[in-house]
Each structure stands twice: as C-alpha cells, then as structure tokens.
N, C-alpha and C. Protein backbone atom coordinates (compact mmCIF):
# COMPACT_ATOMS: atom_id res chain seq x y z
N MET A 1 -137.16 32.24 136.58
CA MET A 1 -135.97 32.36 135.72
C MET A 1 -135.37 30.98 135.49
N ALA A 2 -134.97 30.71 134.28
CA ALA A 2 -134.39 29.41 133.95
C ALA A 2 -133.00 29.26 134.56
N ARG A 3 -132.59 28.02 134.81
CA ARG A 3 -131.27 27.74 135.32
C ARG A 3 -130.24 27.89 134.22
N LYS A 4 -128.97 28.12 134.63
CA LYS A 4 -127.91 28.24 133.64
C LYS A 4 -127.78 26.98 132.80
N SER A 5 -128.02 25.83 133.43
CA SER A 5 -127.91 24.56 132.70
C SER A 5 -128.96 24.42 131.61
N ASP A 6 -129.99 25.26 131.65
CA ASP A 6 -131.05 25.20 130.65
C ASP A 6 -130.79 26.15 129.48
N SER A 7 -129.66 26.82 129.48
CA SER A 7 -129.44 27.90 128.51
C SER A 7 -129.46 27.40 127.07
N PHE A 8 -129.06 26.14 126.83
CA PHE A 8 -129.04 25.63 125.46
C PHE A 8 -130.41 25.80 124.81
N TYR A 9 -131.46 25.42 125.51
CA TYR A 9 -132.80 25.42 124.93
C TYR A 9 -133.21 26.83 124.54
N PHE A 10 -133.01 27.77 125.43
CA PHE A 10 -133.45 29.14 125.17
C PHE A 10 -132.55 29.84 124.16
N ASP A 11 -131.25 29.52 124.17
CA ASP A 11 -130.36 30.08 123.15
C ASP A 11 -130.73 29.56 121.77
N ASN A 12 -131.09 28.28 121.70
CA ASN A 12 -131.50 27.68 120.44
C ASN A 12 -132.75 28.38 119.91
N TYR A 13 -133.73 28.59 120.79
CA TYR A 13 -134.95 29.28 120.38
C TYR A 13 -134.68 30.71 119.94
N ASN A 14 -133.79 31.39 120.65
CA ASN A 14 -133.46 32.76 120.25
C ASN A 14 -132.85 32.79 118.85
N SER A 15 -132.00 31.82 118.56
CA SER A 15 -131.40 31.76 117.22
C SER A 15 -132.46 31.48 116.16
N CYS A 16 -133.41 30.60 116.48
CA CYS A 16 -134.51 30.34 115.55
C CYS A 16 -135.33 31.59 115.29
N ALA A 17 -135.63 32.33 116.36
CA ALA A 17 -136.42 33.56 116.22
C ALA A 17 -135.65 34.62 115.43
N ASP A 18 -134.34 34.68 115.64
CA ASP A 18 -133.51 35.60 114.85
C ASP A 18 -133.60 35.24 113.37
N ASN A 19 -133.59 33.95 113.05
CA ASN A 19 -133.70 33.53 111.65
C ASN A 19 -135.06 33.90 111.06
N ILE A 20 -136.11 33.79 111.87
CA ILE A 20 -137.43 34.21 111.39
C ILE A 20 -137.40 35.69 111.00
N CYS A 21 -136.79 36.52 111.84
CA CYS A 21 -136.71 37.95 111.53
C CYS A 21 -135.85 38.21 110.31
N LYS A 22 -134.73 37.51 110.20
CA LYS A 22 -133.87 37.68 109.01
C LYS A 22 -134.65 37.32 107.74
N ALA A 23 -135.37 36.21 107.80
CA ALA A 23 -136.12 35.77 106.62
C ALA A 23 -137.23 36.76 106.27
N ALA A 24 -137.94 37.24 107.30
CA ALA A 24 -139.04 38.18 107.06
C ALA A 24 -138.52 39.49 106.49
N HIS A 25 -137.44 40.01 107.04
CA HIS A 25 -136.88 41.26 106.53
C HIS A 25 -136.30 41.08 105.13
N LEU A 26 -135.68 39.94 104.87
CA LEU A 26 -135.18 39.67 103.52
C LEU A 26 -136.34 39.65 102.53
N LEU A 27 -137.42 38.95 102.87
CA LEU A 27 -138.57 38.88 101.98
C LEU A 27 -139.16 40.26 101.75
N GLU A 28 -139.29 41.04 102.81
CA GLU A 28 -139.84 42.39 102.66
C GLU A 28 -138.97 43.23 101.72
N GLY A 29 -137.65 43.15 101.89
CA GLY A 29 -136.76 43.91 101.01
C GLY A 29 -136.90 43.49 99.56
N ILE A 30 -137.00 42.19 99.33
CA ILE A 30 -137.19 41.68 97.96
C ILE A 30 -138.49 42.19 97.36
N MET A 31 -139.55 42.17 98.16
CA MET A 31 -140.87 42.55 97.64
C MET A 31 -141.00 44.06 97.45
N ARG A 32 -140.32 44.85 98.26
CA ARG A 32 -140.44 46.30 98.12
C ARG A 32 -139.56 46.85 97.00
N ASP A 33 -138.49 46.15 96.68
CA ASP A 33 -137.64 46.54 95.56
C ASP A 33 -137.67 45.39 94.56
N TYR A 34 -138.86 45.12 94.04
CA TYR A 34 -139.11 43.86 93.35
C TYR A 34 -138.50 43.82 91.97
N ASN A 35 -137.69 42.77 91.75
CA ASN A 35 -137.08 42.54 90.44
C ASN A 35 -137.12 41.04 90.17
N PRO A 36 -138.06 40.57 89.33
CA PRO A 36 -138.20 39.14 89.09
C PRO A 36 -136.91 38.47 88.63
N ALA A 37 -136.05 39.22 87.93
CA ALA A 37 -134.82 38.63 87.40
C ALA A 37 -133.83 38.26 88.51
N GLU A 38 -134.01 38.81 89.70
CA GLU A 38 -133.08 38.55 90.80
C GLU A 38 -133.60 37.52 91.80
N LEU A 39 -134.78 36.96 91.53
CA LEU A 39 -135.37 36.04 92.50
C LEU A 39 -134.50 34.81 92.76
N GLU A 40 -133.90 34.27 91.71
CA GLU A 40 -133.09 33.07 91.89
C GLU A 40 -131.93 33.34 92.85
N LYS A 41 -131.31 34.49 92.71
CA LYS A 41 -130.21 34.84 93.60
C LYS A 41 -130.70 34.95 95.04
N HIS A 42 -131.85 35.59 95.22
CA HIS A 42 -132.40 35.75 96.56
C HIS A 42 -132.82 34.41 97.16
N MET A 43 -133.22 33.47 96.33
CA MET A 43 -133.62 32.16 96.84
C MET A 43 -132.46 31.45 97.52
N ASP A 44 -131.27 31.62 96.98
CA ASP A 44 -130.09 31.02 97.62
C ASP A 44 -129.85 31.63 99.00
N GLU A 45 -129.98 32.94 99.09
CA GLU A 45 -129.80 33.62 100.37
C GLU A 45 -130.86 33.19 101.38
N MET A 46 -132.10 33.09 100.93
CA MET A 46 -133.17 32.66 101.82
C MET A 46 -132.97 31.22 102.26
N HIS A 47 -132.50 30.38 101.36
CA HIS A 47 -132.33 28.98 101.71
C HIS A 47 -131.27 28.79 102.78
N GLU A 48 -130.25 29.63 102.79
CA GLU A 48 -129.24 29.56 103.84
C GLU A 48 -129.87 29.80 105.22
N ILE A 49 -130.79 30.74 105.28
CA ILE A 49 -131.49 31.02 106.55
C ILE A 49 -132.35 29.83 106.93
N GLU A 50 -133.09 29.31 105.96
CA GLU A 50 -133.97 28.16 106.23
C GLU A 50 -133.16 26.95 106.66
N GLN A 51 -132.00 26.73 106.04
CA GLN A 51 -131.15 25.59 106.40
C GLN A 51 -130.61 25.74 107.81
N SER A 52 -130.27 26.97 108.19
CA SER A 52 -129.82 27.23 109.56
C SER A 52 -130.90 26.87 110.56
N SER A 53 -132.15 27.22 110.24
CA SER A 53 -133.27 26.89 111.13
C SER A 53 -133.47 25.38 111.22
N ASP A 54 -133.33 24.69 110.11
CA ASP A 54 -133.42 23.23 110.13
C ASP A 54 -132.35 22.63 111.04
N ASP A 55 -131.13 23.15 110.93
CA ASP A 55 -130.03 22.65 111.75
C ASP A 55 -130.31 22.89 113.23
N LEU A 56 -130.87 24.04 113.55
CA LEU A 56 -131.21 24.33 114.95
C LEU A 56 -132.28 23.37 115.47
N ARG A 57 -133.26 23.08 114.63
CA ARG A 57 -134.31 22.13 115.04
C ARG A 57 -133.73 20.74 115.26
N HIS A 58 -132.85 20.31 114.36
CA HIS A 58 -132.22 19.00 114.53
C HIS A 58 -131.39 18.96 115.80
N GLY A 59 -130.67 20.06 116.08
CA GLY A 59 -129.89 20.13 117.30
C GLY A 59 -130.75 20.04 118.54
N MET A 60 -131.91 20.70 118.49
CA MET A 60 -132.84 20.62 119.61
C MET A 60 -133.33 19.19 119.81
N MET A 61 -133.73 18.53 118.74
CA MET A 61 -134.26 17.18 118.85
C MET A 61 -133.18 16.22 119.37
N ASP A 62 -131.96 16.36 118.89
CA ASP A 62 -130.87 15.49 119.36
C ASP A 62 -130.64 15.67 120.85
N THR A 63 -130.68 16.91 121.30
CA THR A 63 -130.46 17.20 122.72
C THR A 63 -131.60 16.64 123.56
N LEU A 64 -132.83 16.79 123.09
CA LEU A 64 -133.98 16.28 123.83
C LEU A 64 -133.94 14.76 123.97
N LEU A 65 -133.43 14.09 122.95
CA LEU A 65 -133.34 12.63 123.02
C LEU A 65 -132.36 12.17 124.10
N ARG A 66 -131.34 12.98 124.37
CA ARG A 66 -130.32 12.61 125.35
C ARG A 66 -130.57 13.18 126.74
N ALA A 67 -131.44 14.19 126.83
CA ALA A 67 -131.60 14.92 128.09
C ALA A 67 -132.32 14.08 129.13
N PHE A 68 -131.85 14.20 130.37
CA PHE A 68 -132.50 13.52 131.49
C PHE A 68 -133.54 14.43 132.14
N ILE A 69 -133.17 15.68 132.33
CA ILE A 69 -134.07 16.69 132.91
C ILE A 69 -134.12 17.87 131.96
N THR A 70 -135.31 18.38 131.68
CA THR A 70 -135.48 19.55 130.83
C THR A 70 -136.24 20.63 131.59
N PRO A 71 -136.05 21.91 131.24
CA PRO A 71 -136.71 22.99 131.98
C PRO A 71 -138.22 23.03 131.78
N ILE A 72 -138.67 22.49 130.66
CA ILE A 72 -140.08 22.44 130.27
C ILE A 72 -140.31 21.03 129.75
N GLU A 73 -141.53 20.56 129.77
CA GLU A 73 -141.83 19.22 129.24
C GLU A 73 -141.23 19.05 127.85
N ARG A 74 -140.53 17.94 127.64
CA ARG A 74 -139.81 17.77 126.38
C ARG A 74 -140.74 17.80 125.16
N GLU A 75 -141.97 17.32 125.32
CA GLU A 75 -142.91 17.38 124.20
C GLU A 75 -143.21 18.83 123.82
N ASP A 76 -143.33 19.70 124.81
CA ASP A 76 -143.58 21.12 124.54
C ASP A 76 -142.37 21.78 123.90
N LEU A 77 -141.18 21.39 124.36
CA LEU A 77 -139.95 21.94 123.77
C LEU A 77 -139.83 21.52 122.31
N ALA A 78 -140.13 20.26 122.03
CA ALA A 78 -140.04 19.76 120.65
C ALA A 78 -141.07 20.45 119.75
N LYS A 79 -142.29 20.60 120.27
CA LYS A 79 -143.35 21.22 119.48
C LYS A 79 -143.02 22.68 119.17
N LEU A 80 -142.47 23.40 120.15
CA LEU A 80 -142.12 24.81 119.92
C LEU A 80 -140.99 24.92 118.90
N SER A 81 -140.03 24.02 118.98
CA SER A 81 -138.93 24.03 118.01
C SER A 81 -139.45 23.84 116.59
N SER A 82 -140.35 22.89 116.42
CA SER A 82 -140.92 22.65 115.09
C SER A 82 -141.75 23.83 114.61
N SER A 83 -142.49 24.46 115.52
CA SER A 83 -143.32 25.62 115.15
C SER A 83 -142.47 26.79 114.70
N LEU A 84 -141.35 27.00 115.36
CA LEU A 84 -140.45 28.08 114.95
C LEU A 84 -139.87 27.80 113.57
N ASP A 85 -139.47 26.57 113.35
CA ASP A 85 -138.93 26.19 112.04
C ASP A 85 -139.97 26.35 110.94
N ASP A 86 -141.23 26.05 111.27
CA ASP A 86 -142.30 26.17 110.28
C ASP A 86 -142.43 27.60 109.76
N VAL A 87 -142.25 28.59 110.63
CA VAL A 87 -142.40 29.98 110.19
C VAL A 87 -141.39 30.29 109.09
N THR A 88 -140.14 29.91 109.31
CA THR A 88 -139.11 30.16 108.31
C THR A 88 -139.41 29.41 107.02
N ASP A 89 -139.92 28.18 107.15
CA ASP A 89 -140.28 27.40 105.95
C ASP A 89 -141.36 28.12 105.13
N PHE A 90 -142.37 28.65 105.81
CA PHE A 90 -143.44 29.34 105.10
C PHE A 90 -142.93 30.63 104.43
N ILE A 91 -142.04 31.34 105.11
CA ILE A 91 -141.49 32.56 104.52
C ILE A 91 -140.72 32.23 103.25
N GLU A 92 -139.91 31.17 103.31
CA GLU A 92 -139.20 30.74 102.10
C GLU A 92 -140.20 30.34 101.02
N GLY A 93 -141.33 29.77 101.44
CA GLY A 93 -142.36 29.36 100.48
C GLY A 93 -142.93 30.52 99.69
N VAL A 94 -143.03 31.69 100.30
CA VAL A 94 -143.51 32.87 99.57
C VAL A 94 -142.56 33.17 98.40
N LEU A 95 -141.27 33.16 98.69
CA LEU A 95 -140.29 33.45 97.66
C LEU A 95 -140.34 32.41 96.55
N HIS A 96 -140.49 31.14 96.92
CA HIS A 96 -140.60 30.10 95.90
C HIS A 96 -141.78 30.35 94.97
N ARG A 97 -142.90 30.77 95.53
CA ARG A 97 -144.10 30.98 94.72
C ARG A 97 -143.96 32.22 93.84
N LEU A 98 -143.31 33.24 94.33
CA LEU A 98 -143.03 34.40 93.47
C LEU A 98 -142.23 33.96 92.24
N TYR A 99 -141.33 33.01 92.46
CA TYR A 99 -140.47 32.54 91.37
C TYR A 99 -141.22 31.63 90.40
N TYR A 100 -141.83 30.55 90.93
CA TYR A 100 -142.40 29.59 89.98
C TYR A 100 -143.75 30.01 89.42
N ASP A 101 -144.44 30.95 90.08
CA ASP A 101 -145.64 31.53 89.46
C ASP A 101 -145.30 32.67 88.50
N ASN A 102 -144.00 32.99 88.42
CA ASN A 102 -143.51 34.01 87.49
C ASN A 102 -144.22 35.35 87.71
N ILE A 103 -144.32 35.76 88.96
CA ILE A 103 -144.96 37.03 89.29
C ILE A 103 -144.07 38.18 88.81
N GLN A 104 -144.59 39.01 87.95
CA GLN A 104 -143.81 40.10 87.37
C GLN A 104 -143.99 41.42 88.10
N GLU A 105 -145.11 41.56 88.78
CA GLU A 105 -145.40 42.83 89.47
C GLU A 105 -146.25 42.52 90.70
N LEU A 106 -145.92 43.16 91.81
CA LEU A 106 -146.65 42.92 93.06
C LEU A 106 -147.75 43.96 93.25
N THR A 107 -148.73 43.59 94.02
CA THR A 107 -149.84 44.48 94.35
C THR A 107 -149.57 45.18 95.68
N PRO A 108 -150.23 46.31 95.92
CA PRO A 108 -150.12 46.95 97.24
C PRO A 108 -150.57 46.01 98.36
N GLY A 109 -151.53 45.13 98.07
CA GLY A 109 -152.00 44.19 99.08
C GLY A 109 -150.91 43.24 99.54
N ALA A 110 -150.09 42.79 98.60
CA ALA A 110 -148.99 41.89 98.97
C ALA A 110 -148.00 42.61 99.89
N LEU A 111 -147.77 43.89 99.64
CA LEU A 111 -146.85 44.65 100.49
C LEU A 111 -147.46 44.89 101.87
N GLU A 112 -148.76 45.08 101.93
CA GLU A 112 -149.43 45.18 103.23
C GLU A 112 -149.22 43.92 104.05
N MET A 113 -149.36 42.78 103.40
CA MET A 113 -149.24 41.52 104.11
C MET A 113 -147.81 41.27 104.59
N VAL A 114 -146.83 41.62 103.77
CA VAL A 114 -145.45 41.37 104.20
C VAL A 114 -145.06 42.32 105.33
N THR A 115 -145.66 43.51 105.36
CA THR A 115 -145.42 44.41 106.49
C THR A 115 -145.95 43.80 107.78
N MET A 116 -147.12 43.21 107.73
CA MET A 116 -147.68 42.55 108.90
C MET A 116 -146.81 41.36 109.32
N LEU A 117 -146.27 40.65 108.34
CA LEU A 117 -145.40 39.52 108.64
C LEU A 117 -144.15 39.98 109.40
N VAL A 118 -143.54 41.06 108.95
CA VAL A 118 -142.34 41.56 109.63
C VAL A 118 -142.67 41.94 111.07
N ARG A 119 -143.80 42.60 111.27
CA ARG A 119 -144.20 42.97 112.63
C ARG A 119 -144.41 41.74 113.50
N ALA A 120 -145.05 40.72 112.94
CA ALA A 120 -145.28 39.49 113.69
C ALA A 120 -143.97 38.78 113.99
N ALA A 121 -143.06 38.76 113.02
CA ALA A 121 -141.76 38.10 113.23
C ALA A 121 -140.99 38.78 114.36
N GLU A 122 -141.00 40.11 114.37
CA GLU A 122 -140.29 40.84 115.43
C GLU A 122 -140.93 40.57 116.79
N GLU A 123 -142.25 40.44 116.80
CA GLU A 123 -142.93 40.16 118.07
C GLU A 123 -142.63 38.73 118.53
N VAL A 124 -142.50 37.80 117.60
CA VAL A 124 -142.08 36.44 117.97
C VAL A 124 -140.70 36.48 118.61
N ARG A 125 -139.79 37.24 118.02
CA ARG A 125 -138.44 37.33 118.60
C ARG A 125 -138.48 37.93 120.00
N ASN A 126 -139.28 38.96 120.19
CA ASN A 126 -139.41 39.56 121.52
C ASN A 126 -139.99 38.57 122.52
N MET A 127 -140.97 37.81 122.08
CA MET A 127 -141.61 36.82 122.95
C MET A 127 -140.62 35.73 123.34
N ILE A 128 -139.89 35.20 122.37
CA ILE A 128 -138.96 34.11 122.64
C ILE A 128 -137.83 34.59 123.56
N ALA A 129 -137.42 35.83 123.42
CA ALA A 129 -136.37 36.37 124.31
C ALA A 129 -136.83 36.38 125.76
N GLU A 130 -138.14 36.46 125.97
CA GLU A 130 -138.71 36.51 127.31
C GLU A 130 -139.03 35.11 127.85
N LEU A 131 -138.88 34.07 127.02
CA LEU A 131 -139.29 32.72 127.42
C LEU A 131 -138.61 32.19 128.68
N PRO A 132 -137.34 32.50 128.95
CA PRO A 132 -136.76 32.01 130.21
C PRO A 132 -137.53 32.44 131.46
N ASN A 133 -138.33 33.47 131.35
CA ASN A 133 -139.13 33.96 132.49
C ASN A 133 -140.53 33.36 132.48
N PHE A 134 -140.67 32.11 131.98
CA PHE A 134 -142.01 31.53 131.85
C PHE A 134 -142.71 31.33 133.19
N LYS A 135 -141.95 31.37 134.28
CA LYS A 135 -142.58 31.25 135.61
C LYS A 135 -143.17 32.58 136.07
N LYS A 136 -142.76 33.66 135.44
CA LYS A 136 -143.32 34.99 135.72
C LYS A 136 -143.75 35.57 134.38
N PRO A 137 -144.92 35.15 133.90
CA PRO A 137 -145.24 35.30 132.48
C PRO A 137 -145.97 36.57 132.07
N GLU A 138 -146.02 37.59 132.91
CA GLU A 138 -146.83 38.76 132.56
C GLU A 138 -146.38 39.38 131.23
N THR A 139 -145.09 39.65 131.10
CA THR A 139 -144.58 40.24 129.85
C THR A 139 -144.70 39.26 128.70
N LEU A 140 -144.41 38.00 128.97
CA LEU A 140 -144.51 36.96 127.96
C LEU A 140 -145.93 36.89 127.40
N HIS A 141 -146.89 36.97 128.29
CA HIS A 141 -148.30 36.90 127.87
C HIS A 141 -148.68 38.11 127.01
N GLU A 142 -148.11 39.26 127.29
CA GLU A 142 -148.38 40.45 126.47
C GLU A 142 -147.92 40.22 125.03
N HIS A 143 -146.79 39.56 124.87
CA HIS A 143 -146.31 39.28 123.52
C HIS A 143 -147.23 38.29 122.81
N VAL A 144 -147.72 37.30 123.54
CA VAL A 144 -148.67 36.35 122.96
C VAL A 144 -149.90 37.08 122.43
N ILE A 145 -150.43 37.99 123.24
CA ILE A 145 -151.61 38.75 122.83
C ILE A 145 -151.30 39.60 121.59
N SER A 146 -150.11 40.22 121.57
CA SER A 146 -149.74 41.06 120.43
C SER A 146 -149.69 40.25 119.13
N ILE A 147 -149.14 39.05 119.21
CA ILE A 147 -149.05 38.20 118.01
C ILE A 147 -150.44 37.77 117.57
N ASN A 148 -151.29 37.42 118.52
CA ASN A 148 -152.67 37.05 118.17
C ASN A 148 -153.39 38.22 117.50
N THR A 149 -153.14 39.43 117.99
CA THR A 149 -153.77 40.62 117.41
C THR A 149 -153.27 40.86 115.99
N LEU A 150 -151.96 40.73 115.79
CA LEU A 150 -151.40 40.93 114.45
C LEU A 150 -151.95 39.91 113.46
N GLU A 151 -152.13 38.67 113.92
CA GLU A 151 -152.70 37.64 113.04
C GLU A 151 -154.14 37.99 112.68
N SER A 152 -154.89 38.51 113.64
CA SER A 152 -156.29 38.89 113.37
C SER A 152 -156.37 40.05 112.38
N VAL A 153 -155.50 41.03 112.54
CA VAL A 153 -155.45 42.15 111.60
C VAL A 153 -155.05 41.63 110.22
N GLY A 154 -154.10 40.70 110.19
CA GLY A 154 -153.69 40.11 108.93
C GLY A 154 -154.84 39.40 108.23
N ASP A 155 -155.69 38.72 109.00
CA ASP A 155 -156.87 38.07 108.41
C ASP A 155 -157.79 39.09 107.76
N GLU A 156 -157.97 40.23 108.42
CA GLU A 156 -158.83 41.28 107.86
C GLU A 156 -158.25 41.83 106.56
N ILE A 157 -156.94 42.04 106.55
CA ILE A 157 -156.29 42.52 105.33
C ILE A 157 -156.43 41.49 104.22
N TYR A 158 -156.21 40.24 104.58
CA TYR A 158 -156.29 39.14 103.60
C TYR A 158 -157.66 39.08 102.93
N LEU A 159 -158.71 39.18 103.71
CA LEU A 159 -160.06 39.15 103.14
C LEU A 159 -160.29 40.32 102.20
N ARG A 160 -159.83 41.51 102.63
CA ARG A 160 -160.05 42.70 101.81
C ARG A 160 -159.28 42.63 100.50
N ILE A 161 -158.00 42.25 100.56
CA ILE A 161 -157.20 42.29 99.33
C ILE A 161 -157.57 41.14 98.39
N MET A 162 -158.05 40.02 98.95
CA MET A 162 -158.54 38.95 98.08
C MET A 162 -159.76 39.42 97.29
N ARG A 163 -160.66 40.11 97.97
CA ARG A 163 -161.84 40.64 97.29
C ARG A 163 -161.44 41.67 96.23
N GLU A 164 -160.52 42.56 96.58
CA GLU A 164 -160.06 43.56 95.63
C GLU A 164 -159.45 42.90 94.40
N LEU A 165 -158.67 41.84 94.62
CA LEU A 165 -158.03 41.14 93.51
C LEU A 165 -159.06 40.59 92.55
N HIS A 166 -160.09 39.95 93.09
CA HIS A 166 -161.10 39.33 92.23
C HIS A 166 -162.04 40.36 91.58
N MET A 167 -162.13 41.53 92.16
CA MET A 167 -162.98 42.57 91.59
C MET A 167 -162.28 43.42 90.54
N THR A 168 -160.95 43.52 90.62
CA THR A 168 -160.24 44.47 89.76
C THR A 168 -159.32 43.83 88.74
N GLU A 169 -158.83 42.62 89.00
CA GLU A 169 -157.87 41.99 88.09
C GLU A 169 -158.61 41.18 87.02
N THR A 170 -158.21 41.38 85.76
CA THR A 170 -158.88 40.70 84.65
C THR A 170 -158.07 39.54 84.08
N ASP A 171 -156.78 39.48 84.39
CA ASP A 171 -155.93 38.41 83.89
C ASP A 171 -156.06 37.20 84.82
N PRO A 172 -156.64 36.09 84.34
CA PRO A 172 -156.87 34.95 85.23
C PRO A 172 -155.59 34.34 85.79
N LEU A 173 -154.51 34.35 85.01
CA LEU A 173 -153.25 33.81 85.51
C LEU A 173 -152.69 34.67 86.65
N ARG A 174 -152.86 35.97 86.50
CA ARG A 174 -152.38 36.86 87.57
C ARG A 174 -153.24 36.68 88.82
N VAL A 175 -154.53 36.49 88.64
CA VAL A 175 -155.40 36.23 89.79
C VAL A 175 -154.94 34.99 90.53
N LEU A 176 -154.68 33.92 89.79
CA LEU A 176 -154.25 32.67 90.41
C LEU A 176 -152.92 32.83 91.13
N GLY A 177 -151.99 33.54 90.48
CA GLY A 177 -150.67 33.74 91.08
C GLY A 177 -150.72 34.56 92.35
N MET A 178 -151.43 35.68 92.31
CA MET A 178 -151.49 36.55 93.47
C MET A 178 -152.31 35.92 94.59
N ARG A 179 -153.33 35.15 94.23
CA ARG A 179 -154.07 34.44 95.27
C ARG A 179 -153.14 33.54 96.07
N GLU A 180 -152.24 32.87 95.36
CA GLU A 180 -151.32 31.97 96.05
C GLU A 180 -150.35 32.75 96.93
N ILE A 181 -149.86 33.88 96.45
CA ILE A 181 -148.95 34.71 97.26
C ILE A 181 -149.66 35.19 98.51
N TYR A 182 -150.86 35.71 98.36
CA TYR A 182 -151.63 36.17 99.53
C TYR A 182 -151.83 35.04 100.53
N SER A 183 -152.17 33.87 100.02
CA SER A 183 -152.49 32.75 100.90
C SER A 183 -151.27 32.29 101.69
N VAL A 184 -150.12 32.26 101.04
CA VAL A 184 -148.93 31.80 101.77
C VAL A 184 -148.47 32.88 102.76
N LEU A 185 -148.62 34.14 102.42
CA LEU A 185 -148.32 35.20 103.39
C LEU A 185 -149.23 35.09 104.61
N GLU A 186 -150.49 34.79 104.36
CA GLU A 186 -151.42 34.60 105.47
C GLU A 186 -151.04 33.38 106.30
N SER A 187 -150.53 32.34 105.64
CA SER A 187 -150.07 31.15 106.35
C SER A 187 -148.86 31.46 107.22
N CYS A 188 -148.02 32.38 106.78
CA CYS A 188 -146.88 32.81 107.60
C CYS A 188 -147.37 33.42 108.92
N LEU A 189 -148.39 34.26 108.83
CA LEU A 189 -148.95 34.86 110.05
C LEU A 189 -149.59 33.80 110.93
N ASP A 190 -150.27 32.83 110.32
CA ASP A 190 -150.85 31.73 111.10
C ASP A 190 -149.75 30.96 111.82
N ALA A 191 -148.61 30.77 111.14
CA ALA A 191 -147.50 30.03 111.75
C ALA A 191 -146.92 30.80 112.94
N CYS A 192 -146.86 32.13 112.84
CA CYS A 192 -146.43 32.94 113.98
C CYS A 192 -147.39 32.76 115.15
N GLU A 193 -148.67 32.73 114.85
CA GLU A 193 -149.66 32.54 115.91
C GLU A 193 -149.52 31.17 116.56
N ARG A 194 -149.16 30.14 115.79
CA ARG A 194 -148.97 28.82 116.38
C ARG A 194 -147.79 28.81 117.34
N VAL A 195 -146.76 29.59 117.04
CA VAL A 195 -145.65 29.73 117.99
C VAL A 195 -146.17 30.35 119.29
N ALA A 196 -146.97 31.41 119.15
CA ALA A 196 -147.54 32.06 120.34
C ALA A 196 -148.44 31.11 121.11
N ASP A 197 -149.20 30.29 120.39
CA ASP A 197 -150.07 29.32 121.07
C ASP A 197 -149.23 28.31 121.85
N GLY A 198 -148.09 27.90 121.28
CA GLY A 198 -147.22 26.97 121.98
C GLY A 198 -146.65 27.57 123.25
N VAL A 199 -146.26 28.84 123.17
CA VAL A 199 -145.75 29.53 124.35
C VAL A 199 -146.85 29.68 125.40
N GLU A 200 -148.05 30.00 124.94
CA GLU A 200 -149.17 30.13 125.87
C GLU A 200 -149.44 28.80 126.58
N GLY A 201 -149.30 27.69 125.85
CA GLY A 201 -149.48 26.39 126.47
C GLY A 201 -148.43 26.13 127.54
N ILE A 202 -147.19 26.54 127.28
CA ILE A 202 -146.13 26.39 128.27
C ILE A 202 -146.44 27.21 129.52
N ILE A 203 -146.94 28.42 129.32
CA ILE A 203 -147.32 29.27 130.45
C ILE A 203 -148.40 28.58 131.28
N MET A 204 -149.40 28.05 130.60
CA MET A 204 -150.53 27.43 131.31
C MET A 204 -150.09 26.21 132.12
N GLN A 205 -149.17 25.45 131.59
CA GLN A 205 -148.77 24.22 132.26
C GLN A 205 -147.77 24.44 133.39
N ASN A 206 -147.17 25.62 133.43
CA ASN A 206 -146.09 25.85 134.40
C ASN A 206 -146.40 26.94 135.41
N ASN A 207 -147.66 27.36 135.47
CA ASN A 207 -148.04 28.40 136.43
C ASN A 207 -149.36 28.05 137.10
C-alpha cells in the first residue's frame, strides 16, 4: 500500500483515468446519436477534457522535477503519465477526423470499435484505481490482462470491418474517411494497452 505522502501521484492518475472514461463515453454518445452538424459543438466539450488531461500531466512533471523521493521510479511515473494523456489525445483525434473528413454517416463497424474503446477505458480506470497496491499486484495484474484481451479483440474487429468496408463500399472518399476513423479507434485501444504495459512494468520492477 502506498504511503499517504504519495497520494498526489495516485490521485493525479485517477483523475487522468476519469478523463479517459469521460472522453470515451462522450465519443460513444456522439457516435451513437450521430449528427454531423453538431460535431463542432462536441469538439469544444471534448477539448475541455483533453486540456484537463494535459494540465494533469504538466502537474505530474512539475512535481517529479521537485520530488526527492517518489513511490515508484520517477521515469516510470513520467512514462505512465504521458501514456494516460495519450489515450485522451487519441480519443479527441477520432472526433477531429469525423469533423474534417466530413463523415455524414457511421458504419456498424465504427460503433463496434467505440464500444470496445469504452470497455477498455473503464478497465484502465479500474486498473489505475488499484495502482497504490502495486506491491500486492494480483488484482492489478488481472486488469492488465483484461486490457490486453480487449485490445486483441479490438484487433480482430478492426481486421473484419476493414475488409467489409473494402468489399462493400463503392464511394472511394467514404472508404478513405472510414478507414481513417477505424484506424484511429484502433490506435485508442493500442494506447490503452500501452498504459497497461506501463503498469505491468511497474509491477515487474517492484515485486
């Protein structure tokens, strides 16, 4: 169990993970009730979440520069902070691409991918909540495995829906646009897995 003096680090990570879930749920809501005319409004809302995550990362880095003793190696703390921020950046990137690719209608495949993203985001939050117990990592490791599994399932979905897109869609601009949406959604899942990999590295180094 982490010391009380270490609470800043874990509270910061919990806030980052909460932002990941907020961003993922916001994106899912936008995509399930899709209205291209409202994307600009939603982009402002998403950017507020992304900006909050940036501020948390900057706060973490400032604290690490001044800290004498940290609960985990400072390089690992910095890397995990950046990995968490990356997830929110990628989620915002999906919304940006929906906007500038002028996507007018979503495919069932895109909704499948965003569902997987929400599940992965929630699992990241559960994992980060357990991080103070990195010295007793059984539950923490279960979350790592769950995120890795979700990313693998997401890869399978990605391959299938990419093939379906190229076999069924005749409009080349729509193919290009949806390919980009699928790819960035898949990158969101990869980013969640990188967070899990960072946590797994912390477990390995401290047990």
